[in-house]
Amino acid sequence: MERSMLTYFELEPGTCFPEHSHESEQITLVLSGELVFAIGDDEVVVGPLEAIAIPGNVPHAVRCVDAVVAVDAWAPPPERLRTDN
């Protein structure tokens, strides 16, 4: 796919992604567990069967409350995740 991509991932409890941003828009759908997204001064808890949409170039950090299974949708696919390069 050239314009969108889905990625499936599993994370251990306590996994953290420090503040970062990327050009791609990101939608995260949590299948099980809980993720906490820090966006500016706000924290958003995303639990099972909930989703969050993060526009491109918006700084955000993420931490796992417990074990997480989730899917990210990306548009366009980030270069670091593309398998056709």
Protein backbone atom coordinates (compact mmCIF):
# COMPACT_ATOMS: atom_id res chain seq x y z
CA MET A 1 0.00 0.00 0.00
CA GLU A 2 1.25 3.41 -0.81
CA ARG A 3 -1.14 5.68 1.10
CA SER A 4 -2.08 3.75 4.25
CA MET A 5 -0.87 0.91 6.45
CA LEU A 6 -1.99 -1.15 9.44
CA THR A 7 0.46 -2.46 12.04
CA TYR A 8 -0.36 -4.98 14.77
CA PHE A 9 1.64 -4.91 17.99
CA GLU A 10 1.87 -6.40 21.46
CA LEU A 11 3.52 -4.52 24.35
CA GLU A 12 4.66 -5.57 27.81
CA PRO A 13 3.38 -3.77 30.94
CA GLY A 14 5.33 -0.58 31.61
CA THR A 15 6.50 -0.11 28.01
CA CYS A 16 6.96 3.62 27.25
CA PHE A 17 7.51 5.64 24.11
CA PRO A 18 8.97 9.06 24.98
CA GLU A 19 7.56 12.18 23.38
CA HIS A 20 7.92 12.08 19.62
CA SER A 21 6.09 13.13 16.48
CA HIS A 22 5.87 11.91 12.91
CA GLU A 23 4.48 13.26 9.67
CA SER A 24 1.97 10.42 9.36
CA GLU A 25 -1.50 10.55 10.85
CA GLN A 26 -1.95 7.74 13.36
CA ILE A 27 -5.06 5.99 14.65
CA THR A 28 -4.49 3.50 17.47
CA LEU A 29 -7.17 0.90 18.26
CA VAL A 30 -6.55 -0.93 21.54
CA LEU A 31 -7.76 -4.53 21.43
CA SER A 32 -6.81 -5.37 25.02
CA GLY A 33 -5.06 -3.56 27.87
CA GLU A 34 -4.71 0.19 28.35
CA LEU A 35 -2.50 2.84 26.79
CA VAL A 36 -2.05 6.33 28.21
CA PHE A 37 -1.28 9.01 25.61
CA ALA A 38 0.24 12.30 26.77
CA ILE A 39 -0.56 15.06 24.30
CA GLY A 40 0.42 18.53 25.49
CA ASP A 41 -0.92 18.92 29.03
CA ASP A 42 -3.61 16.27 28.50
CA GLU A 43 -3.53 12.54 29.24
CA VAL A 44 -5.93 10.29 27.37
CA VAL A 45 -6.51 6.71 28.55
CA VAL A 46 -7.43 4.35 25.71
CA GLY A 47 -8.84 0.99 26.77
CA PRO A 48 -10.14 -2.13 25.02
CA LEU A 49 -12.05 -1.43 21.80
CA GLU A 50 -11.33 2.31 22.07
CA ALA A 51 -9.32 4.34 19.60
CA ILE A 52 -7.42 7.61 19.45
CA ALA A 53 -6.55 9.66 16.36
CA ILE A 54 -3.34 11.69 16.39
CA PRO A 55 -2.78 14.18 13.56
CA GLY A 56 0.59 14.28 11.86
CA ASN A 57 3.37 16.32 13.50
CA VAL A 58 1.65 16.42 16.92
CA PRO A 59 4.09 15.58 19.74
CA HIS A 60 2.87 12.75 21.97
CA ALA A 61 4.17 10.15 24.41
CA VAL A 62 2.67 6.74 25.23
CA ARG A 63 2.89 4.35 28.16
CA CYS A 64 1.36 0.94 28.84
CA VAL A 65 -0.61 0.44 32.02
CA ASP A 66 -0.61 -3.32 31.49
CA ALA A 67 0.02 -5.73 28.61
CA VAL A 68 -1.43 -4.27 25.41
CA VAL A 69 -2.54 -5.66 22.07
CA ALA A 70 -3.36 -2.98 19.53
CA VAL A 71 -3.44 -1.94 15.88
CA ASP A 72 -2.14 1.31 14.41
CA ALA A 73 -3.44 2.76 11.16
CA TRP A 74 -1.00 5.09 9.40
CA ALA A 75 -1.50 7.54 6.54
CA PRO A 76 0.82 7.79 4.77
CA PRO A 77 2.89 4.81 5.95
CA PRO A 78 5.98 5.97 7.87
CA GLU A 79 9.17 5.23 5.95
CA ARG A 80 10.59 3.34 8.96
CA LEU A 81 7.70 0.83 8.76
CA ARG A 82 7.53 0.33 5.01
CA THR A 83 8.55 -3.10 3.77
CA ASP A 84 8.69 -2.22 0.07
CA ASN A 85 11.83 -0.04 0.26
